[in-house]
Each structure stands twice: as structure tokens, then as C-alpha cells.
N, C-alpha and C. Protein backbone atom coordinates (compact mmCIF):
# COMPACT_ATOMS: atom_id res chain seq x y z
N MET A 1 176.98 47.95 -72.16
CA MET A 1 178.04 47.13 -72.68
C MET A 1 177.64 46.53 -74.02
N ASP A 2 178.56 46.52 -74.92
CA ASP A 2 178.31 45.93 -76.23
C ASP A 2 179.03 44.58 -76.30
N LEU A 3 178.41 43.56 -75.71
CA LEU A 3 179.02 42.24 -75.65
C LEU A 3 178.93 41.55 -77.01
N VAL A 4 179.97 40.81 -77.33
CA VAL A 4 180.01 40.05 -78.57
C VAL A 4 179.83 38.57 -78.29
N ARG A 5 180.29 38.12 -77.13
CA ARG A 5 180.26 36.70 -76.78
C ARG A 5 180.08 36.55 -75.28
N ILE A 6 179.26 35.58 -74.90
CA ILE A 6 179.11 35.21 -73.49
C ILE A 6 179.52 33.75 -73.38
N GLN A 7 180.31 33.46 -72.37
CA GLN A 7 180.82 32.09 -72.18
C GLN A 7 180.48 31.64 -70.77
N ALA A 8 180.15 30.35 -70.63
CA ALA A 8 179.84 29.79 -69.31
C ALA A 8 180.46 28.40 -69.23
N ARG A 9 180.64 27.95 -68.00
CA ARG A 9 181.23 26.63 -67.81
C ARG A 9 180.53 25.90 -66.67
N CYS A 10 180.63 24.58 -66.70
CA CYS A 10 180.11 23.76 -65.61
C CYS A 10 180.91 22.47 -65.56
N PHE A 11 180.81 21.78 -64.45
CA PHE A 11 181.47 20.48 -64.34
C PHE A 11 180.78 19.49 -65.28
N VAL A 12 181.55 18.55 -65.82
CA VAL A 12 181.03 17.59 -66.80
C VAL A 12 179.83 16.82 -66.25
N GLU A 13 179.87 16.46 -64.99
CA GLU A 13 178.79 15.65 -64.42
C GLU A 13 177.55 16.46 -64.04
N ASN A 14 177.60 17.78 -64.16
CA ASN A 14 176.47 18.63 -63.79
C ASN A 14 175.53 18.82 -64.98
N ASN A 15 174.71 17.81 -65.23
CA ASN A 15 173.81 17.82 -66.38
C ASN A 15 172.74 18.90 -66.28
N GLY A 16 172.31 19.23 -65.07
CA GLY A 16 171.30 20.27 -64.89
C GLY A 16 171.78 21.62 -65.38
N SER A 17 172.98 21.99 -65.00
CA SER A 17 173.54 23.27 -65.44
C SER A 17 173.77 23.29 -66.95
N ALA A 18 174.25 22.18 -67.48
CA ALA A 18 174.46 22.08 -68.93
C ALA A 18 173.14 22.27 -69.68
N ARG A 19 172.09 21.68 -69.16
CA ARG A 19 170.77 21.79 -69.80
C ARG A 19 170.27 23.23 -69.77
N VAL A 20 170.47 23.94 -68.67
CA VAL A 20 170.06 25.34 -68.57
C VAL A 20 170.77 26.17 -69.65
N MET A 21 172.06 25.93 -69.83
CA MET A 21 172.82 26.68 -70.83
C MET A 21 172.30 26.39 -72.24
N GLU A 22 171.98 25.13 -72.51
CA GLU A 22 171.42 24.78 -73.82
C GLU A 22 170.06 25.43 -74.03
N LYS A 23 169.21 25.46 -73.00
CA LYS A 23 167.88 26.05 -73.11
C LYS A 23 167.93 27.55 -73.37
N THR A 24 168.99 28.20 -72.93
CA THR A 24 169.11 29.64 -73.17
C THR A 24 169.72 29.96 -74.54
N GLY A 25 170.03 28.91 -75.31
CA GLY A 25 170.55 29.11 -76.66
C GLY A 25 172.05 28.98 -76.77
N MET A 26 172.72 28.66 -75.67
CA MET A 26 174.17 28.52 -75.72
C MET A 26 174.55 27.22 -76.41
N SER A 27 175.69 27.23 -77.08
CA SER A 27 176.19 26.05 -77.78
C SER A 27 177.33 25.42 -77.00
N PHE A 28 177.32 24.09 -76.92
CA PHE A 28 178.42 23.37 -76.30
C PHE A 28 179.63 23.48 -77.21
N GLU A 29 180.78 23.80 -76.65
CA GLU A 29 182.00 23.96 -77.44
C GLU A 29 183.03 22.87 -77.20
N VAL A 30 183.36 22.64 -75.93
CA VAL A 30 184.49 21.75 -75.66
C VAL A 30 184.47 21.27 -74.21
N ILE A 31 185.14 20.16 -73.96
CA ILE A 31 185.42 19.71 -72.60
C ILE A 31 186.89 19.99 -72.34
N ILE A 32 187.15 20.72 -71.27
CA ILE A 32 188.52 20.97 -70.85
C ILE A 32 188.85 19.92 -69.78
N ARG A 33 189.69 18.98 -70.12
CA ARG A 33 190.04 17.92 -69.18
C ARG A 33 190.93 18.48 -68.08
N LYS A 34 190.54 18.17 -66.84
CA LYS A 34 191.24 18.66 -65.66
C LYS A 34 191.40 20.17 -65.70
N GLY A 35 190.33 20.85 -66.08
CA GLY A 35 190.35 22.30 -66.26
C GLY A 35 190.26 23.11 -65.00
N MET A 36 189.84 22.49 -63.90
CA MET A 36 189.75 23.21 -62.62
C MET A 36 190.24 22.29 -61.51
N PHE A 37 190.84 22.90 -60.51
CA PHE A 37 191.27 22.16 -59.32
C PHE A 37 190.39 22.60 -58.17
N VAL A 38 189.49 21.70 -57.72
CA VAL A 38 188.51 22.04 -56.70
C VAL A 38 188.53 20.96 -55.61
N LYS A 39 188.63 21.41 -54.38
CA LYS A 39 188.60 20.50 -53.23
C LYS A 39 189.63 19.38 -53.36
N GLY A 40 190.84 19.74 -53.78
CA GLY A 40 191.93 18.78 -53.87
C GLY A 40 191.86 17.81 -55.03
N LYS A 41 191.00 18.10 -56.01
CA LYS A 41 190.83 17.18 -57.13
C LYS A 41 190.71 17.95 -58.44
N HIS A 42 191.32 17.45 -59.48
CA HIS A 42 191.17 18.06 -60.80
C HIS A 42 189.81 17.66 -61.38
N GLN A 43 189.10 18.62 -61.94
CA GLN A 43 187.76 18.40 -62.48
C GLN A 43 187.72 18.75 -63.97
N ASP A 44 187.02 17.93 -64.75
CA ASP A 44 186.77 18.25 -66.16
C ASP A 44 185.62 19.25 -66.21
N ILE A 45 185.69 20.20 -67.15
CA ILE A 45 184.63 21.19 -67.29
C ILE A 45 184.16 21.29 -68.73
N LYS A 46 182.88 21.61 -68.89
CA LYS A 46 182.29 21.87 -70.20
C LYS A 46 182.23 23.37 -70.42
N ILE A 47 182.51 23.79 -71.64
CA ILE A 47 182.44 25.21 -72.00
C ILE A 47 181.28 25.39 -72.99
N PHE A 48 180.43 26.37 -72.71
CA PHE A 48 179.31 26.76 -73.58
C PHE A 48 179.48 28.22 -73.93
N SER A 49 178.92 28.62 -75.08
CA SER A 49 178.96 30.05 -75.43
C SER A 49 177.79 30.40 -76.33
N ILE A 50 177.56 31.71 -76.42
CA ILE A 50 176.57 32.24 -77.36
C ILE A 50 177.11 33.56 -77.87
N LEU A 51 176.96 33.78 -79.17
CA LEU A 51 177.38 35.03 -79.79
C LEU A 51 176.22 36.00 -79.83
N LYS A 52 176.53 37.28 -79.97
CA LYS A 52 175.50 38.32 -79.97
C LYS A 52 174.42 38.05 -81.02
N GLU A 53 174.83 37.71 -82.24
CA GLU A 53 173.84 37.47 -83.31
C GLU A 53 173.00 36.22 -83.04
N GLU A 54 173.57 35.22 -82.39
CA GLU A 54 172.79 34.04 -82.02
C GLU A 54 171.79 34.39 -80.93
N PHE A 55 172.22 35.19 -79.97
CA PHE A 55 171.35 35.58 -78.87
C PHE A 55 170.15 36.37 -79.38
N THR A 56 170.39 37.34 -80.26
CA THR A 56 169.28 38.18 -80.74
C THR A 56 168.30 37.39 -81.58
N SER A 57 168.76 36.38 -82.33
CA SER A 57 167.82 35.58 -83.12
C SER A 57 167.10 34.55 -82.25
N PHE A 58 167.75 34.05 -81.20
CA PHE A 58 167.15 33.05 -80.31
C PHE A 58 166.14 33.69 -79.37
N HIS A 59 166.40 34.90 -78.92
CA HIS A 59 165.56 35.59 -77.94
C HIS A 59 164.81 36.75 -78.59
N LYS A 60 164.01 36.44 -79.59
CA LYS A 60 163.22 37.49 -80.25
C LYS A 60 162.16 37.99 -79.28
N PRO A 61 161.95 39.31 -79.26
CA PRO A 61 160.93 39.85 -78.34
C PRO A 61 159.54 39.35 -78.70
N LYS A 62 158.75 39.08 -77.69
CA LYS A 62 157.38 38.62 -77.90
C LYS A 62 156.49 39.83 -78.11
N ILE A 63 155.63 39.75 -79.11
CA ILE A 63 154.70 40.84 -79.41
C ILE A 63 153.46 40.66 -78.54
N GLU A 64 153.15 41.68 -77.77
CA GLU A 64 151.99 41.62 -76.91
C GLU A 64 150.74 42.08 -77.67
N ASN A 65 149.61 41.63 -77.24
CA ASN A 65 148.35 42.01 -77.85
C ASN A 65 148.07 43.47 -77.49
N VAL A 66 148.13 44.33 -78.49
CA VAL A 66 147.91 45.76 -78.25
C VAL A 66 146.45 46.18 -78.40
N ASN A 67 145.63 45.26 -78.81
CA ASN A 67 144.19 45.56 -79.00
C ASN A 67 143.45 45.33 -77.69
N LYS A 68 143.63 46.25 -76.77
CA LYS A 68 142.91 46.13 -75.49
C LYS A 68 141.61 46.92 -75.59
N TYR A 69 140.67 46.51 -74.90
CA TYR A 69 139.32 47.07 -74.89
C TYR A 69 139.35 48.50 -75.28
């Protein structure tokens, strides 16, 4: 697949999930107020995304030491 954009969402109060998305290089975009209806209640959600060019620059491959004995 030749993806151009990856998008993820989490509930506003879920700081752990938001932090994981930030650590992977995703950018916070917007809060959708009452964006989901879960368990009889409307919930606000945060939207994060990363573009292909951002992903490739953020996740550069690590060069391994090729000088082995």
C-alpha cells in the first residue's frame, strides 16, 4: 500500500493514548466536540495524523555496526 496519510483518534481525557501518538511523530490536529456516542454519552475526541513525508523523516532507519569481527 502506498499510504499518504495515517489518522488516529482518542478520547480527550485519554492522555496516555495521545502521548503514544505524539511519540510516534503524529501531529495533533483538532478536537471534535461530541464526535462519538459511546455508552449512552457523547464524547469529545482528539484527531492526530502523520503524512508519509513526515513519517519517513521521523523514522529514519538506524545504521547498524557492520564492522563485525
